[in-house]
Amino acid sequence: MNEAFLMIIGGSNLVIIILLGVVLLFGTKKLPQLSRTLGKAIGEYGRAKDMITKEMQEARQSINPAYSLPRITGPVATEREKLETMASTLGIDPTGKDDNLLRSIIQKKIQNNQAWDN
């Protein structure tokens, strides 16, 4: 019976019913305060989540400095530029190496990092 009742009520109708229930429970004078409190809580959650994510990335980089994402500033014009960006991110010196050698070194370095992570 309860599931059938919810299926009859559409999504927008359900939202209206919930809003009416909130107004009846808290009153119109407490509603702005409730909204501010909820907004502050959501903001705090977002800041805490960002802080934890940043700390996790810093900890991972301190454990394995070779593990970092490439610093991409824009689109690359050539395949060589992409390889050099990847190589410098992984701590590989690309000078004096042809594209195929650089690819294989990058691939080995990435495989070693993945094996180290597991």
Protein backbone atom coordinates (compact mmCIF):
# COMPACT_ATOMS: atom_id res chain seq x y z
CA MET A 1 0.00 0.00 0.00
CA ASN A 2 2.80 2.44 0.94
CA GLU A 3 4.78 1.76 -2.26
CA ALA A 4 1.68 2.23 -4.40
CA PHE A 5 1.00 5.54 -2.68
CA LEU A 6 4.54 6.76 -3.42
CA MET A 7 4.23 5.70 -7.06
CA ILE A 8 1.05 7.77 -7.44
CA ILE A 9 2.77 10.86 -6.04
CA GLY A 10 5.26 12.28 -8.56
CA GLY A 11 8.70 13.65 -7.72
CA SER A 12 7.65 17.30 -7.72
CA ASN A 13 4.57 16.57 -5.61
CA LEU A 14 6.72 14.73 -3.09
CA VAL A 15 9.07 17.72 -2.83
CA ILE A 16 6.13 20.04 -2.19
CA ILE A 17 4.79 17.74 0.53
CA ILE A 18 8.20 17.57 2.20
CA LEU A 19 8.57 21.37 2.09
CA LEU A 20 5.13 21.81 3.63
CA GLY A 21 6.09 19.34 6.36
CA VAL A 22 9.28 21.30 7.10
CA VAL A 23 7.32 24.57 7.30
CA LEU A 24 4.79 22.97 9.64
CA LEU A 25 7.50 21.49 11.87
CA PHE A 26 9.79 24.50 12.15
CA GLY A 27 7.55 27.45 11.27
CA THR A 28 8.26 30.24 8.85
CA LYS A 29 10.38 32.23 11.32
CA LYS A 30 12.86 29.40 11.93
CA LEU A 31 13.14 28.43 8.25
CA PRO A 32 15.84 31.03 7.31
CA GLN A 33 17.93 30.04 10.32
CA LEU A 34 17.55 26.37 9.40
CA SER A 35 18.63 27.14 5.82
CA ARG A 36 21.72 29.05 7.00
CA THR A 37 22.69 26.24 9.35
CA LEU A 38 22.28 23.68 6.59
CA GLY A 39 24.32 25.83 4.19
CA LYS A 40 27.13 26.20 6.72
CA ALA A 41 27.16 22.45 7.34
CA ILE A 42 27.39 21.72 3.62
CA GLY A 43 30.21 24.27 3.26
CA GLU A 44 32.13 22.75 6.17
CA TYR A 45 31.73 19.29 4.66
CA GLY A 46 33.12 20.52 1.33
CA ARG A 47 36.12 22.21 2.99
CA ALA A 48 36.86 19.13 5.09
CA LYS A 49 36.62 16.88 2.04
CA ASP A 50 39.02 19.12 0.06
CA MET A 51 41.46 19.26 2.99
CA ILE A 52 41.49 15.47 3.40
CA THR A 53 41.96 14.97 -0.35
CA LYS A 54 44.89 17.41 -0.36
CA GLU A 55 46.51 15.73 2.66
CA MET A 56 46.15 12.31 1.03
CA GLN A 57 47.81 13.55 -2.17
CA GLU A 58 50.65 15.16 -0.20
CA ALA A 59 51.17 11.97 1.82
CA ARG A 60 51.22 9.83 -1.30
CA GLN A 61 53.74 12.13 -2.99
CA SER A 62 55.96 12.16 0.11
CA ILE A 63 55.98 8.34 0.12
CA ASN A 64 56.61 8.07 -3.63
CA PRO A 65 57.78 11.38 -5.12
CA ALA A 66 57.71 9.93 -8.64
CA TYR A 67 53.95 9.56 -8.34
CA SER A 68 52.41 12.81 -9.48
CA LEU A 69 50.15 13.93 -12.25
CA PRO A 70 51.56 15.85 -15.21
CA ARG A 71 51.24 19.60 -14.97
CA ILE A 72 49.39 20.29 -18.21
CA THR A 73 49.17 23.96 -19.10
CA GLY A 74 47.42 23.54 -22.43
CA PRO A 75 47.15 21.34 -25.49
CA VAL A 76 50.38 19.86 -26.81
CA ALA A 77 51.36 20.51 -30.38
CA THR A 78 53.33 17.33 -31.01
CA GLU A 79 53.67 13.79 -29.78
CA ARG A 80 57.23 14.62 -28.70
CA GLU A 81 55.99 17.44 -26.46
CA LYS A 82 53.53 15.04 -24.82
CA LEU A 83 56.29 12.50 -24.22
CA GLU A 84 58.59 15.15 -22.75
CA THR A 85 55.82 16.37 -20.41
CA MET A 86 55.17 12.83 -19.21
CA ALA A 87 58.90 12.15 -18.82
CA SER A 88 59.55 15.28 -16.78
CA THR A 89 56.59 14.48 -14.54
CA LEU A 90 58.03 11.04 -13.85
CA GLY A 91 61.54 12.42 -13.25
CA ILE A 92 63.01 11.17 -16.52
CA ASP A 93 65.44 13.30 -18.51
CA PRO A 94 64.20 13.24 -22.14
CA THR A 95 67.33 14.78 -23.71
CA GLY A 96 69.19 12.58 -26.14
CA LYS A 97 66.44 9.94 -26.32
CA ASP A 98 64.33 9.18 -29.36
CA ASP A 99 60.54 8.81 -29.11
CA ASN A 100 60.52 5.00 -28.98
CA LEU A 101 63.16 4.82 -26.24
CA LEU A 102 61.38 7.52 -24.26
CA ARG A 103 58.05 5.65 -24.59
CA SER A 104 59.58 2.43 -23.28
CA ILE A 105 61.26 4.19 -20.34
CA ILE A 106 57.99 5.95 -19.44
CA GLN A 107 56.09 2.67 -19.70
CA LYS A 108 58.57 0.86 -17.42
CA LYS A 109 58.49 3.70 -14.88
CA ILE A 110 54.68 3.67 -14.80
CA GLN A 111 54.61 -0.12 -14.42
CA ASN A 112 57.11 0.10 -11.53
CA ASN A 113 54.96 2.76 -9.84
CA GLN A 114 51.82 0.64 -10.25
CA ALA A 115 53.57 -2.43 -8.87
CA TRP A 116 54.81 -0.34 -5.93
CA ASP A 117 51.27 0.94 -5.25
CA ASN A 118 49.85 -2.60 -5.06
